[in-house]
Amino acid sequence: MALKIDQFMDEAINQATKSFSEDGIPIGSVLVRAGQIIGRGHNRRVQHGDPTAHGEIDCLRNAGRQASYKDTVIYSTLMPCAMCAGAVVQFGIAKVIAGENRTFKSSAQFMRDNGVEVVDLDLDQCFELLQQFQIKFPKVWNEDIGVE
């Protein structure tokens, strides 16, 4: 049973939709502290030709340098991959709220094992957006997830 979308996940979905409108991979993310968005981003791997420009990484870059991340929550439309989960753990982000965890084998357990609270909202909207991208750009999707 899917949970209700809050304003922060709604903004992450807006970021994912923005990426899709740029023919990029539709994954969006926001970083929140004390009920305020301090960073937002979307996957720009295709747009920038940068394999590290995932939604969560773009969001962290846009948030800028922080003295601490321990009081932050990162929202992402897709449960973070190994690289993004590593950034979450490295920076001590307390909580990850993901729109879905069906599309791609994530690193949810790695984050849990490292003390991060992980929530999967299992939102059809997030899942369906990625399905649309896979249908429209199967070669790019396979390239992004390492399938040959």
N, C-alpha and C. Protein backbone atom coordinates (compact mmCIF):
# COMPACT_ATOMS: atom_id res chain seq x y z
N MET A 1 0.84 -1.19 0.00
CA MET A 1 0.00 0.00 0.00
C MET A 1 0.89 1.25 0.00
N ALA A 2 0.67 2.09 -0.96
CA ALA A 2 1.48 3.30 -1.09
C ALA A 2 1.08 4.34 -0.04
N LEU A 3 2.06 5.10 0.42
CA LEU A 3 1.82 6.15 1.39
C LEU A 3 1.54 7.48 0.68
N LYS A 4 1.09 8.44 1.44
CA LYS A 4 0.76 9.76 0.91
C LYS A 4 2.03 10.55 0.53
N ILE A 5 1.93 11.31 -0.53
CA ILE A 5 3.03 12.16 -0.97
C ILE A 5 3.01 13.44 -0.14
N ASP A 6 4.17 13.84 0.40
CA ASP A 6 4.23 15.12 1.10
C ASP A 6 4.87 16.16 0.18
N GLN A 7 4.98 17.39 0.66
CA GLN A 7 5.48 18.49 -0.17
C GLN A 7 6.92 18.26 -0.64
N PHE A 8 7.72 17.55 0.15
CA PHE A 8 9.12 17.36 -0.22
C PHE A 8 9.26 16.29 -1.31
N MET A 9 8.48 15.21 -1.18
CA MET A 9 8.50 14.21 -2.25
C MET A 9 7.88 14.80 -3.51
N ASP A 10 6.88 15.65 -3.35
CA ASP A 10 6.28 16.31 -4.50
C ASP A 10 7.33 17.13 -5.25
N GLU A 11 8.20 17.83 -4.52
CA GLU A 11 9.25 18.61 -5.17
C GLU A 11 10.29 17.69 -5.82
N ALA A 12 10.60 16.57 -5.18
CA ALA A 12 11.52 15.61 -5.81
C ALA A 12 10.92 15.09 -7.13
N ILE A 13 9.62 14.82 -7.13
CA ILE A 13 8.95 14.39 -8.36
C ILE A 13 8.99 15.50 -9.41
N ASN A 14 8.82 16.74 -8.99
CA ASN A 14 8.95 17.86 -9.94
C ASN A 14 10.34 17.89 -10.56
N GLN A 15 11.35 17.63 -9.75
CA GLN A 15 12.73 17.59 -10.26
C GLN A 15 12.90 16.44 -11.25
N ALA A 16 12.33 15.28 -10.94
CA ALA A 16 12.41 14.13 -11.86
C ALA A 16 11.72 14.44 -13.18
N THR A 17 10.57 15.08 -13.10
CA THR A 17 9.83 15.46 -14.30
C THR A 17 10.63 16.47 -15.13
N LYS A 18 11.32 17.38 -14.46
CA LYS A 18 12.18 18.34 -15.16
C LYS A 18 13.26 17.61 -15.93
N SER A 19 13.89 16.62 -15.31
CA SER A 19 14.92 15.86 -16.01
C SER A 19 14.34 15.15 -17.23
N PHE A 20 13.17 14.54 -17.07
CA PHE A 20 12.53 13.83 -18.18
C PHE A 20 12.22 14.79 -19.32
N SER A 21 11.82 16.02 -18.99
CA SER A 21 11.52 17.01 -20.03
C SER A 21 12.78 17.42 -20.80
N GLU A 22 13.95 17.17 -20.20
CA GLU A 22 15.25 17.44 -20.84
C GLU A 22 15.81 16.17 -21.49
N ASP A 23 14.97 15.12 -21.63
CA ASP A 23 15.37 13.80 -22.12
C ASP A 23 16.42 13.15 -21.23
N GLY A 24 16.41 13.53 -19.96
CA GLY A 24 17.30 12.94 -18.97
C GLY A 24 16.58 11.90 -18.14
N ILE A 25 17.32 11.15 -17.37
CA ILE A 25 16.76 10.10 -16.53
C ILE A 25 15.92 10.75 -15.44
N PRO A 26 14.66 10.37 -15.31
CA PRO A 26 13.74 11.06 -14.41
C PRO A 26 13.87 10.64 -12.94
N ILE A 27 14.93 11.11 -12.33
CA ILE A 27 15.14 10.90 -10.90
C ILE A 27 15.41 12.27 -10.30
N GLY A 28 14.64 12.61 -9.26
CA GLY A 28 14.79 13.89 -8.60
C GLY A 28 15.02 13.71 -7.12
N SER A 29 15.59 14.75 -6.52
CA SER A 29 15.95 14.67 -5.11
C SER A 29 15.89 16.06 -4.46
N VAL A 30 15.56 16.08 -3.17
CA VAL A 30 15.66 17.31 -2.38
C VAL A 30 16.28 16.97 -1.03
N LEU A 31 17.03 17.94 -0.51
CA LEU A 31 17.63 17.82 0.82
C LEU A 31 16.90 18.79 1.75
N VAL A 32 16.45 18.28 2.90
CA VAL A 32 15.61 19.05 3.81
C VAL A 32 16.25 19.14 5.19
N ARG A 33 16.19 20.34 5.75
CA ARG A 33 16.62 20.57 7.14
C ARG A 33 15.54 21.41 7.82
N ALA A 34 15.08 20.94 8.96
CA ALA A 34 14.11 21.67 9.77
C ALA A 34 12.90 22.14 8.95
N GLY A 35 12.39 21.27 8.10
CA GLY A 35 11.20 21.60 7.33
C GLY A 35 11.41 22.53 6.16
N GLN A 36 12.67 22.78 5.78
CA GLN A 36 12.99 23.66 4.65
C GLN A 36 13.87 22.94 3.65
N ILE A 37 13.60 23.12 2.38
CA ILE A 37 14.46 22.56 1.33
C ILE A 37 15.72 23.40 1.26
N ILE A 38 16.87 22.75 1.41
CA ILE A 38 18.15 23.47 1.32
C ILE A 38 18.91 23.10 0.05
N GLY A 39 18.41 22.11 -0.68
CA GLY A 39 19.01 21.74 -1.96
C GLY A 39 18.04 20.91 -2.76
N ARG A 40 18.13 21.06 -4.06
CA ARG A 40 17.28 20.25 -4.95
C ARG A 40 18.11 19.92 -6.18
N GLY A 41 17.77 18.82 -6.82
CA GLY A 41 18.51 18.44 -8.02
C GLY A 41 17.81 17.30 -8.74
N HIS A 42 18.32 17.03 -9.91
CA HIS A 42 17.80 15.90 -10.69
C HIS A 42 18.94 15.27 -11.47
N ASN A 43 18.69 14.06 -11.92
CA ASN A 43 19.71 13.33 -12.65
C ASN A 43 20.05 14.11 -13.92
N ARG A 44 21.33 14.40 -14.08
CA ARG A 44 21.82 15.15 -15.26
C ARG A 44 22.93 14.40 -15.98
N ARG A 45 22.96 13.10 -15.76
CA ARG A 45 23.99 12.27 -16.37
C ARG A 45 23.98 12.41 -17.90
N VAL A 46 22.80 12.37 -18.48
CA VAL A 46 22.67 12.50 -19.93
C VAL A 46 22.95 13.94 -20.36
N GLN A 47 22.32 14.89 -19.68
CA GLN A 47 22.42 16.30 -20.06
C GLN A 47 23.85 16.82 -19.98
N HIS A 48 24.60 16.40 -18.98
CA HIS A 48 25.97 16.90 -18.78
C HIS A 48 27.05 15.92 -19.24
N GLY A 49 26.65 14.74 -19.68
CA GLY A 49 27.64 13.73 -20.07
C GLY A 49 28.53 13.35 -18.88
N ASP A 50 27.96 13.37 -17.69
CA ASP A 50 28.69 13.14 -16.45
C ASP A 50 28.11 11.91 -15.75
N PRO A 51 28.86 10.82 -15.68
CA PRO A 51 28.33 9.61 -15.07
C PRO A 51 28.05 9.73 -13.58
N THR A 52 28.57 10.76 -12.92
CA THR A 52 28.32 10.93 -11.49
C THR A 52 27.18 11.90 -11.19
N ALA A 53 26.56 12.45 -12.20
CA ALA A 53 25.52 13.47 -12.00
C ALA A 53 24.15 12.85 -11.72
N HIS A 54 24.10 11.99 -10.72
CA HIS A 54 22.83 11.39 -10.30
C HIS A 54 22.00 12.43 -9.55
N GLY A 55 20.73 12.17 -9.38
CA GLY A 55 19.83 13.12 -8.74
C GLY A 55 20.27 13.53 -7.34
N GLU A 56 20.67 12.55 -6.53
CA GLU A 56 21.08 12.85 -5.17
C GLU A 56 22.39 13.65 -5.15
N ILE A 57 23.30 13.32 -6.03
CA ILE A 57 24.59 14.03 -6.09
C ILE A 57 24.36 15.46 -6.56
N ASP A 58 23.51 15.65 -7.57
CA ASP A 58 23.18 16.99 -8.04
C ASP A 58 22.54 17.81 -6.92
N CYS A 59 21.66 17.18 -6.16
CA CYS A 59 21.01 17.84 -5.03
C CYS A 59 22.04 18.27 -3.99
N LEU A 60 22.96 17.39 -3.63
CA LEU A 60 23.99 17.72 -2.65
C LEU A 60 24.89 18.85 -3.16
N ARG A 61 25.24 18.80 -4.43
CA ARG A 61 26.05 19.89 -5.01
C ARG A 61 25.32 21.22 -4.90
N ASN A 62 24.02 21.19 -5.21
CA ASN A 62 23.24 22.42 -5.18
C ASN A 62 23.00 22.93 -3.76
N ALA A 63 23.00 22.04 -2.78
CA ALA A 63 22.86 22.46 -1.38
C ALA A 63 24.12 23.17 -0.90
N GLY A 64 25.23 22.88 -1.55
CA GLY A 64 26.48 23.51 -1.15
C GLY A 64 27.04 22.88 0.11
N ARG A 65 28.16 23.40 0.49
CA ARG A 65 28.86 22.88 1.65
C ARG A 65 28.04 23.13 2.92
N GLN A 66 27.91 22.11 3.74
CA GLN A 66 27.18 22.20 5.00
C GLN A 66 28.15 21.83 6.13
N ALA A 67 28.02 22.47 7.26
CA ALA A 67 28.85 22.13 8.42
C ALA A 67 28.54 20.71 8.89
N SER A 68 27.30 20.31 8.74
CA SER A 68 26.87 18.97 9.15
C SER A 68 25.63 18.60 8.35
N TYR A 69 25.48 17.31 8.11
CA TYR A 69 24.29 16.80 7.42
C TYR A 69 23.46 15.93 8.36
N LYS A 70 23.89 15.79 9.61
CA LYS A 70 23.26 14.85 10.55
C LYS A 70 21.80 15.17 10.84
N ASP A 71 21.40 16.40 10.64
CA ASP A 71 20.01 16.80 10.89
C ASP A 71 19.22 16.97 9.59
N THR A 72 19.67 16.30 8.52
CA THR A 72 18.99 16.44 7.23
C THR A 72 18.31 15.14 6.82
N VAL A 73 17.36 15.30 5.92
CA VAL A 73 16.64 14.19 5.30
C VAL A 73 16.76 14.39 3.80
N ILE A 74 17.10 13.32 3.08
CA ILE A 74 17.13 13.42 1.62
C ILE A 74 15.96 12.62 1.05
N TYR A 75 15.24 13.26 0.17
CA TYR A 75 14.12 12.64 -0.54
C TYR A 75 14.61 12.35 -1.95
N SER A 76 14.31 11.16 -2.44
CA SER A 76 14.67 10.81 -3.81
C SER A 76 13.53 10.00 -4.42
N THR A 77 13.28 10.21 -5.69
CA THR A 77 12.18 9.49 -6.32
C THR A 77 12.51 8.01 -6.51
N LEU A 78 13.79 7.65 -6.46
CA LEU A 78 14.22 6.26 -6.55
C LEU A 78 15.18 5.98 -5.40
N MET A 79 15.06 4.81 -4.79
CA MET A 79 15.97 4.44 -3.71
C MET A 79 17.40 4.54 -4.23
N PRO A 80 18.29 5.18 -3.47
CA PRO A 80 19.65 5.44 -3.95
C PRO A 80 20.44 4.20 -4.36
N CYS A 81 21.24 4.39 -5.40
CA CYS A 81 22.18 3.38 -5.88
C CYS A 81 23.38 3.35 -4.94
N ALA A 82 24.35 2.51 -5.24
CA ALA A 82 25.54 2.36 -4.38
C ALA A 82 26.31 3.67 -4.24
N MET A 83 26.48 4.41 -5.33
CA MET A 83 27.23 5.66 -5.27
C MET A 83 26.51 6.68 -4.38
N CYS A 84 25.22 6.85 -4.62
CA CYS A 84 24.46 7.84 -3.86
C CYS A 84 24.29 7.42 -2.41
N ALA A 85 24.10 6.13 -2.17
CA ALA A 85 24.02 5.63 -0.80
C ALA A 85 25.34 5.87 -0.08
N GLY A 86 26.44 5.72 -0.79
CA GLY A 86 27.75 6.01 -0.20
C GLY A 86 27.87 7.46 0.23
N ALA A 87 27.34 8.37 -0.58
CA ALA A 87 27.35 9.80 -0.23
C ALA A 87 26.48 10.04 1.00
N VAL A 88 25.33 9.40 1.07
CA VAL A 88 24.44 9.54 2.23
C VAL A 88 25.17 9.11 3.50
N VAL A 89 25.82 7.96 3.44
CA VAL A 89 26.54 7.44 4.61
C VAL A 89 27.76 8.32 4.92
N GLN A 90 28.51 8.68 3.90
CA GLN A 90 29.72 9.50 4.08
C GLN A 90 29.42 10.82 4.79
N PHE A 91 28.32 11.46 4.39
CA PHE A 91 27.99 12.77 4.95
C PHE A 91 27.13 12.67 6.21
N GLY A 92 26.72 11.49 6.58
CA GLY A 92 25.95 11.32 7.81
C GLY A 92 24.51 11.80 7.72
N ILE A 93 23.93 11.75 6.53
CA ILE A 93 22.52 12.12 6.38
C ILE A 93 21.69 11.11 7.18
N ALA A 94 20.79 11.62 8.01
CA ALA A 94 20.09 10.78 8.98
C ALA A 94 19.02 9.89 8.37
N LYS A 95 18.36 10.38 7.31
CA LYS A 95 17.19 9.67 6.81
C LYS A 95 17.06 9.82 5.31
N VAL A 96 16.66 8.73 4.66
CA VAL A 96 16.36 8.73 3.23
C VAL A 96 14.90 8.34 3.06
N ILE A 97 14.18 9.14 2.30
CA ILE A 97 12.80 8.81 1.96
C ILE A 97 12.75 8.67 0.44
N ALA A 98 12.44 7.46 -0.01
CA ALA A 98 12.48 7.15 -1.44
C ALA A 98 11.07 6.98 -1.98
N GLY A 99 10.87 7.44 -3.20
CA GLY A 99 9.59 7.29 -3.87
C GLY A 99 9.28 5.86 -4.24
N GLU A 100 10.31 5.10 -4.58
CA GLU A 100 10.10 3.69 -4.91
C GLU A 100 11.41 2.93 -4.89
N ASN A 101 11.29 1.62 -4.80
CA ASN A 101 12.44 0.73 -4.73
C ASN A 101 12.20 -0.51 -5.59
N ARG A 102 11.40 -0.37 -6.65
CA ARG A 102 11.08 -1.51 -7.53
C ARG A 102 11.92 -1.52 -8.79
N THR A 103 12.28 -0.36 -9.29
CA THR A 103 12.88 -0.25 -10.62
C THR A 103 14.30 -0.80 -10.69
N PHE A 104 15.05 -0.64 -9.63
CA PHE A 104 16.49 -0.88 -9.68
C PHE A 104 16.94 -1.46 -8.35
N LYS A 105 17.89 -2.40 -8.38
CA LYS A 105 18.42 -2.95 -7.15
C LYS A 105 19.19 -1.85 -6.42
N SER A 106 18.65 -1.46 -5.30
CA SER A 106 19.19 -0.31 -4.57
C SER A 106 20.19 -0.74 -3.50
N SER A 107 20.61 0.25 -2.75
CA SER A 107 21.52 0.04 -1.63
C SER A 107 20.84 0.37 -0.30
N ALA A 108 19.55 0.08 -0.22
CA ALA A 108 18.79 0.36 1.00
C ALA A 108 19.39 -0.35 2.21
N GLN A 109 19.74 -1.62 2.06
CA GLN A 109 20.27 -2.36 3.19
C GLN A 109 21.63 -1.82 3.63
N PHE A 110 22.46 -1.42 2.68
CA PHE A 110 23.75 -0.81 3.02
C PHE A 110 23.54 0.43 3.90
N MET A 111 22.58 1.25 3.52
CA MET A 111 22.32 2.46 4.30
C MET A 111 21.81 2.10 5.70
N ARG A 112 20.88 1.15 5.76
CA ARG A 112 20.37 0.71 7.08
C ARG A 112 21.52 0.17 7.94
N ASP A 113 22.38 -0.63 7.34
CA ASP A 113 23.50 -1.22 8.06
C ASP A 113 24.45 -0.16 8.60
N ASN A 114 24.39 1.04 8.02
CA ASN A 114 25.26 2.14 8.44
C ASN A 114 24.49 3.22 9.21
N GLY A 115 23.37 2.85 9.78
CA GLY A 115 22.65 3.74 10.70
C GLY A 115 21.71 4.75 10.09
N VAL A 116 21.43 4.63 8.80
CA VAL A 116 20.52 5.57 8.14
C VAL A 116 19.09 5.01 8.23
N GLU A 117 18.15 5.85 8.60
CA GLU A 117 16.75 5.45 8.55
C GLU A 117 16.30 5.52 7.10
N VAL A 118 15.71 4.43 6.61
CA VAL A 118 15.32 4.34 5.20
C VAL A 118 13.81 4.07 5.12
N VAL A 119 13.13 4.90 4.33
CA VAL A 119 11.68 4.77 4.14
C VAL A 119 11.41 4.63 2.64
N ASP A 120 10.64 3.61 2.27
CA ASP A 120 10.22 3.41 0.88
C ASP A 120 8.73 3.71 0.80
N LEU A 121 8.37 4.79 0.11
CA LEU A 121 6.97 5.17 -0.03
C LEU A 121 6.23 4.31 -1.06
N ASP A 122 6.97 3.62 -1.93
CA ASP A 122 6.39 2.74 -2.95
C ASP A 122 5.30 3.45 -3.76
N LEU A 123 5.69 4.58 -4.34
CA LEU A 123 4.75 5.40 -5.10
C LEU A 123 4.69 4.97 -6.57
N ASP A 124 3.50 4.65 -7.03
CA ASP A 124 3.32 4.28 -8.43
C ASP A 124 3.78 5.39 -9.36
N GLN A 125 3.55 6.64 -8.98
CA GLN A 125 3.93 7.77 -9.82
C GLN A 125 5.43 7.76 -10.14
N CYS A 126 6.25 7.49 -9.15
CA CYS A 126 7.70 7.45 -9.35
C CYS A 126 8.09 6.26 -10.23
N PHE A 127 7.50 5.11 -9.94
CA PHE A 127 7.76 3.90 -10.72
C PHE A 127 7.38 4.09 -12.18
N GLU A 128 6.20 4.63 -12.41
CA GLU A 128 5.69 4.80 -13.78
C GLU A 128 6.51 5.80 -14.59
N LEU A 129 7.02 6.83 -13.95
CA LEU A 129 7.87 7.80 -14.65
C LEU A 129 9.14 7.12 -15.18
N LEU A 130 9.74 6.29 -14.35
CA LEU A 130 10.94 5.56 -14.80
C LEU A 130 10.60 4.53 -15.87
N GLN A 131 9.43 3.92 -15.79
CA GLN A 131 8.99 2.98 -16.83
C GLN A 131 8.84 3.69 -18.17
N GLN A 132 8.26 4.90 -18.14
CA GLN A 132 8.12 5.69 -19.37
C GLN A 132 9.48 5.97 -19.99
N PHE A 133 10.45 6.33 -19.15
CA PHE A 133 11.79 6.61 -19.66
C PHE A 133 12.41 5.36 -20.29
N GLN A 134 12.25 4.22 -19.63
CA GLN A 134 12.81 2.97 -20.16
C GLN A 134 12.23 2.62 -21.52
N ILE A 135 10.96 2.89 -21.71
CA ILE A 135 10.31 2.62 -23.00
C ILE A 135 10.81 3.60 -24.05
N LYS A 136 10.93 4.88 -23.70
CA LYS A 136 11.33 5.92 -24.65
C LYS A 136 12.82 5.84 -24.99
N PHE A 137 13.66 5.52 -23.99
CA PHE A 137 15.12 5.52 -24.17
C PHE A 137 15.75 4.24 -23.61
N PRO A 138 15.42 3.07 -24.18
CA PRO A 138 15.93 1.82 -23.60
C PRO A 138 17.46 1.73 -23.61
N LYS A 139 18.09 2.23 -24.64
CA LYS A 139 19.55 2.15 -24.72
C LYS A 139 20.20 3.00 -23.62
N VAL A 140 19.69 4.19 -23.40
CA VAL A 140 20.23 5.07 -22.35
C VAL A 140 19.99 4.44 -20.98
N TRP A 141 18.80 3.88 -20.77
CA TRP A 141 18.51 3.24 -19.49
C TRP A 141 19.49 2.08 -19.24
N ASN A 142 19.69 1.24 -20.23
CA ASN A 142 20.61 0.11 -20.07
C ASN A 142 22.03 0.58 -19.83
N GLU A 143 22.42 1.65 -20.46
CA GLU A 143 23.75 2.22 -20.24
C GLU A 143 23.88 2.72 -18.81
N ASP A 144 22.84 3.37 -18.31
CA ASP A 144 22.88 3.95 -16.97
C ASP A 144 22.98 2.89 -15.89
N ILE A 145 22.29 1.76 -16.08
CA ILE A 145 22.32 0.74 -15.04
C ILE A 145 23.37 -0.33 -15.28
N GLY A 146 24.20 -0.15 -16.31
CA GLY A 146 25.32 -1.05 -16.55
C GLY A 146 24.98 -2.33 -17.29
N VAL A 147 23.87 -2.35 -18.00
CA VAL A 147 23.50 -3.52 -18.80
C VAL A 147 24.03 -3.30 -20.21
N GLU A 148 24.59 -4.33 -20.78
CA GLU A 148 25.10 -4.18 -22.16
C GLU A 148 24.15 -4.75 -23.16
